[in-house]
Amino acid sequence: MTRLKLGPLPDEKTVKLTVELPAQVHRDLMAYAEILAAETRQAINPAKLIAPMLARFMATDRAFAKARRKIVPKPHSPQAAE
């Protein structure tokens, strides 16, 4: 079995966003959806893969995480204030 980075997709509230993709990226997205559908035995809408792919990309980008910590500090937890 193929070990893809994405697993089953969560059902969450969404925000509509329109994007244009290069043809090759669209073909790859279609292929990824087909492989994931075969692996999970679920029909997969390729458009639904874009958000989890972007989230995964940003979550694993160390330079982004470092820069984000500089501009968006984590809020203090209530326990830390006690």
N, C-alpha and C. Protein backbone atom coordinates (compact mmCIF):
# COMPACT_ATOMS: atom_id res chain seq x y z
N MET A 1 0.84 -1.17 0.00
CA MET A 1 0.00 0.00 0.00
C MET A 1 0.89 1.24 0.00
N THR A 2 0.49 2.25 -0.75
CA THR A 2 1.20 3.52 -0.83
C THR A 2 0.98 4.30 0.46
N ARG A 3 2.03 4.96 0.92
CA ARG A 3 1.93 5.77 2.14
C ARG A 3 1.89 7.24 1.73
N LEU A 4 0.68 7.78 1.57
CA LEU A 4 0.51 9.17 1.18
C LEU A 4 0.57 10.06 2.42
N LYS A 5 0.93 11.32 2.23
CA LYS A 5 0.99 12.27 3.34
C LYS A 5 -0.38 12.65 3.84
N LEU A 6 -1.40 12.57 2.97
CA LEU A 6 -2.76 12.90 3.38
C LEU A 6 -3.53 11.62 3.66
N GLY A 7 -4.37 11.69 4.67
CA GLY A 7 -5.25 10.58 4.99
C GLY A 7 -6.68 11.00 4.76
N PRO A 8 -7.62 10.44 5.50
CA PRO A 8 -9.01 10.85 5.36
C PRO A 8 -9.15 12.36 5.62
N LEU A 9 -10.04 12.98 4.87
CA LEU A 9 -10.21 14.43 4.97
C LEU A 9 -11.22 14.79 6.04
N PRO A 10 -10.89 15.75 6.92
CA PRO A 10 -11.84 16.18 7.95
C PRO A 10 -12.98 16.98 7.33
N ASP A 11 -14.13 16.92 7.95
CA ASP A 11 -15.28 17.67 7.48
C ASP A 11 -15.36 18.93 8.33
N GLU A 12 -14.86 20.06 7.80
CA GLU A 12 -14.81 21.31 8.55
C GLU A 12 -15.50 22.42 7.79
N LYS A 13 -15.83 23.48 8.51
CA LYS A 13 -16.39 24.67 7.87
C LYS A 13 -15.35 25.22 6.90
N THR A 14 -15.78 25.71 5.76
CA THR A 14 -14.84 26.15 4.74
C THR A 14 -15.04 27.62 4.39
N VAL A 15 -14.05 28.18 3.73
CA VAL A 15 -14.09 29.51 3.16
C VAL A 15 -13.86 29.34 1.67
N LYS A 16 -14.71 29.91 0.85
CA LYS A 16 -14.59 29.75 -0.59
C LYS A 16 -13.46 30.62 -1.12
N LEU A 17 -12.62 30.01 -1.96
CA LEU A 17 -11.48 30.68 -2.55
C LEU A 17 -11.34 30.17 -3.97
N THR A 18 -11.17 31.06 -4.92
CA THR A 18 -11.01 30.66 -6.31
C THR A 18 -9.55 30.81 -6.70
N VAL A 19 -8.97 29.76 -7.28
CA VAL A 19 -7.57 29.79 -7.71
C VAL A 19 -7.46 29.22 -9.12
N GLU A 20 -6.41 29.61 -9.80
CA GLU A 20 -6.09 29.04 -11.10
C GLU A 20 -4.84 28.19 -10.91
N LEU A 21 -4.88 26.97 -11.45
CA LEU A 21 -3.75 26.06 -11.34
C LEU A 21 -3.14 25.82 -12.71
N PRO A 22 -1.83 25.66 -12.77
CA PRO A 22 -1.23 25.22 -14.03
C PRO A 22 -1.78 23.82 -14.38
N ALA A 23 -1.86 23.54 -15.67
CA ALA A 23 -2.43 22.27 -16.12
C ALA A 23 -1.72 21.06 -15.49
N GLN A 24 -0.41 21.10 -15.37
CA GLN A 24 0.32 19.97 -14.80
C GLN A 24 -0.03 19.76 -13.32
N VAL A 25 -0.19 20.85 -12.59
CA VAL A 25 -0.57 20.74 -11.18
C VAL A 25 -1.97 20.13 -11.08
N HIS A 26 -2.86 20.53 -11.96
CA HIS A 26 -4.22 19.96 -11.96
C HIS A 26 -4.17 18.47 -12.27
N ARG A 27 -3.37 18.07 -13.25
CA ARG A 27 -3.25 16.63 -13.57
C ARG A 27 -2.71 15.86 -12.37
N ASP A 28 -1.71 16.42 -11.71
CA ASP A 28 -1.14 15.76 -10.54
C ASP A 28 -2.16 15.68 -9.41
N LEU A 29 -2.94 16.73 -9.24
CA LEU A 29 -3.98 16.73 -8.21
C LEU A 29 -5.02 15.65 -8.50
N MET A 30 -5.40 15.52 -9.75
CA MET A 30 -6.36 14.48 -10.15
C MET A 30 -5.78 13.08 -9.88
N ALA A 31 -4.52 12.90 -10.21
CA ALA A 31 -3.87 11.60 -9.97
C ALA A 31 -3.79 11.31 -8.48
N TYR A 32 -3.44 12.31 -7.69
CA TYR A 32 -3.35 12.14 -6.24
C TYR A 32 -4.70 11.73 -5.68
N ALA A 33 -5.76 12.41 -6.13
CA ALA A 33 -7.11 12.08 -5.67
C ALA A 33 -7.48 10.66 -6.03
N GLU A 34 -7.10 10.23 -7.21
CA GLU A 34 -7.40 8.87 -7.65
C GLU A 34 -6.68 7.84 -6.78
N ILE A 35 -5.41 8.09 -6.49
CA ILE A 35 -4.63 7.17 -5.66
C ILE A 35 -5.18 7.15 -4.23
N LEU A 36 -5.49 8.32 -3.68
CA LEU A 36 -6.04 8.41 -2.33
C LEU A 36 -7.40 7.72 -2.26
N ALA A 37 -8.20 7.88 -3.28
CA ALA A 37 -9.52 7.23 -3.32
C ALA A 37 -9.37 5.72 -3.30
N ALA A 38 -8.41 5.21 -4.04
CA ALA A 38 -8.17 3.76 -4.05
C ALA A 38 -7.68 3.29 -2.69
N GLU A 39 -6.85 4.10 -2.05
CA GLU A 39 -6.28 3.73 -0.75
C GLU A 39 -7.33 3.77 0.37
N THR A 40 -8.19 4.77 0.35
CA THR A 40 -9.17 4.94 1.43
C THR A 40 -10.53 4.34 1.10
N ARG A 41 -10.67 3.88 -0.15
CA ARG A 41 -11.94 3.31 -0.63
C ARG A 41 -13.10 4.30 -0.48
N GLN A 42 -12.81 5.58 -0.75
CA GLN A 42 -13.80 6.66 -0.71
C GLN A 42 -13.65 7.49 -1.98
N ALA A 43 -14.75 8.00 -2.49
CA ALA A 43 -14.67 8.93 -3.60
C ALA A 43 -14.06 10.23 -3.09
N ILE A 44 -13.11 10.78 -3.81
CA ILE A 44 -12.41 11.99 -3.39
C ILE A 44 -12.58 13.06 -4.45
N ASN A 45 -13.08 14.22 -4.04
CA ASN A 45 -13.15 15.38 -4.91
C ASN A 45 -11.77 16.03 -4.88
N PRO A 46 -11.07 16.09 -6.02
CA PRO A 46 -9.70 16.64 -6.02
C PRO A 46 -9.61 18.04 -5.41
N ALA A 47 -10.62 18.87 -5.57
CA ALA A 47 -10.59 20.22 -5.00
C ALA A 47 -10.50 20.18 -3.47
N LYS A 48 -11.04 19.13 -2.86
CA LYS A 48 -11.01 19.01 -1.40
C LYS A 48 -9.61 18.69 -0.88
N LEU A 49 -8.69 18.33 -1.78
CA LEU A 49 -7.32 18.01 -1.36
C LEU A 49 -6.47 19.25 -1.18
N ILE A 50 -6.85 20.35 -1.82
CA ILE A 50 -5.99 21.52 -1.84
C ILE A 50 -5.75 22.09 -0.43
N ALA A 51 -6.80 22.25 0.36
CA ALA A 51 -6.62 22.81 1.70
C ALA A 51 -5.75 21.93 2.59
N PRO A 52 -6.00 20.60 2.69
CA PRO A 52 -5.12 19.80 3.53
C PRO A 52 -3.68 19.75 3.02
N MET A 53 -3.50 19.83 1.70
CA MET A 53 -2.14 19.84 1.15
C MET A 53 -1.42 21.13 1.54
N LEU A 54 -2.12 22.25 1.44
CA LEU A 54 -1.51 23.52 1.85
C LEU A 54 -1.22 23.54 3.35
N ALA A 55 -2.16 23.03 4.12
CA ALA A 55 -1.96 22.98 5.58
C ALA A 55 -0.75 22.13 5.93
N ARG A 56 -0.63 20.99 5.27
CA ARG A 56 0.51 20.09 5.52
C ARG A 56 1.82 20.77 5.13
N PHE A 57 1.78 21.42 3.97
CA PHE A 57 2.98 22.13 3.51
C PHE A 57 3.41 23.18 4.52
N MET A 58 2.47 24.01 4.97
CA MET A 58 2.82 25.08 5.92
C MET A 58 3.24 24.50 7.27
N ALA A 59 2.62 23.41 7.69
CA ALA A 59 2.95 22.81 8.98
C ALA A 59 4.36 22.23 8.99
N THR A 60 4.88 21.86 7.84
CA THR A 60 6.21 21.25 7.78
C THR A 60 7.28 22.19 7.26
N ASP A 61 6.94 23.45 7.02
CA ASP A 61 7.90 24.44 6.54
C ASP A 61 8.53 25.12 7.75
N ARG A 62 9.74 24.74 8.07
CA ARG A 62 10.40 25.26 9.28
C ARG A 62 10.65 26.76 9.20
N ALA A 63 11.01 27.25 8.03
CA ALA A 63 11.27 28.69 7.90
C ALA A 63 9.98 29.48 8.13
N PHE A 64 8.85 28.95 7.64
CA PHE A 64 7.56 29.62 7.87
C PHE A 64 7.23 29.62 9.36
N ALA A 65 7.41 28.49 10.02
CA ALA A 65 7.11 28.39 11.45
C ALA A 65 7.96 29.38 12.25
N LYS A 66 9.23 29.48 11.91
CA LYS A 66 10.12 30.39 12.61
C LYS A 66 9.70 31.84 12.39
N ALA A 67 9.41 32.20 11.14
CA ALA A 67 8.99 33.57 10.83
C ALA A 67 7.65 33.89 11.48
N ARG A 68 6.75 32.93 11.50
CA ARG A 68 5.44 33.15 12.09
C ARG A 68 5.54 33.40 13.60
N ARG A 69 6.42 32.67 14.26
CA ARG A 69 6.61 32.88 15.70
C ARG A 69 7.08 34.31 15.99
N LYS A 70 7.84 34.87 15.08
CA LYS A 70 8.34 36.24 15.28
C LYS A 70 7.23 37.27 15.12
N ILE A 71 6.29 37.03 14.20
CA ILE A 71 5.25 38.04 13.95
C ILE A 71 3.94 37.75 14.65
N VAL A 72 3.69 36.50 15.02
CA VAL A 72 2.45 36.13 15.69
C VAL A 72 2.81 35.34 16.95
N PRO A 73 3.08 36.04 18.05
CA PRO A 73 3.44 35.32 19.28
C PRO A 73 2.27 34.48 19.78
N LYS A 74 2.60 33.35 20.37
CA LYS A 74 1.57 32.49 20.94
C LYS A 74 0.95 33.17 22.15
N PRO A 75 -0.39 33.07 22.30
CA PRO A 75 -1.03 33.67 23.47
C PRO A 75 -0.60 32.93 24.74
N HIS A 76 -0.55 33.66 25.84
CA HIS A 76 -0.21 33.03 27.12
C HIS A 76 -1.37 32.16 27.56
N SER A 77 -1.06 31.01 28.08
CA SER A 77 -2.12 30.14 28.58
C SER A 77 -2.62 30.67 29.92
N PRO A 78 -3.89 30.42 30.24
CA PRO A 78 -4.42 30.90 31.54
C PRO A 78 -3.66 30.31 32.72
N GLN A 79 -3.15 29.11 32.57
CA GLN A 79 -2.43 28.47 33.67
C GLN A 79 -1.12 29.19 33.94
N ALA A 80 -0.50 29.74 32.88
CA ALA A 80 0.78 30.43 33.06
C ALA A 80 0.62 31.71 33.88
N ALA A 81 -0.56 32.32 33.79
CA ALA A 81 -0.81 33.56 34.53
C ALA A 81 -1.05 33.34 36.01
N GLU A 82 -1.37 32.13 36.39
CA GLU A 82 -1.69 31.84 37.79
C GLU A 82 -0.47 31.74 38.66
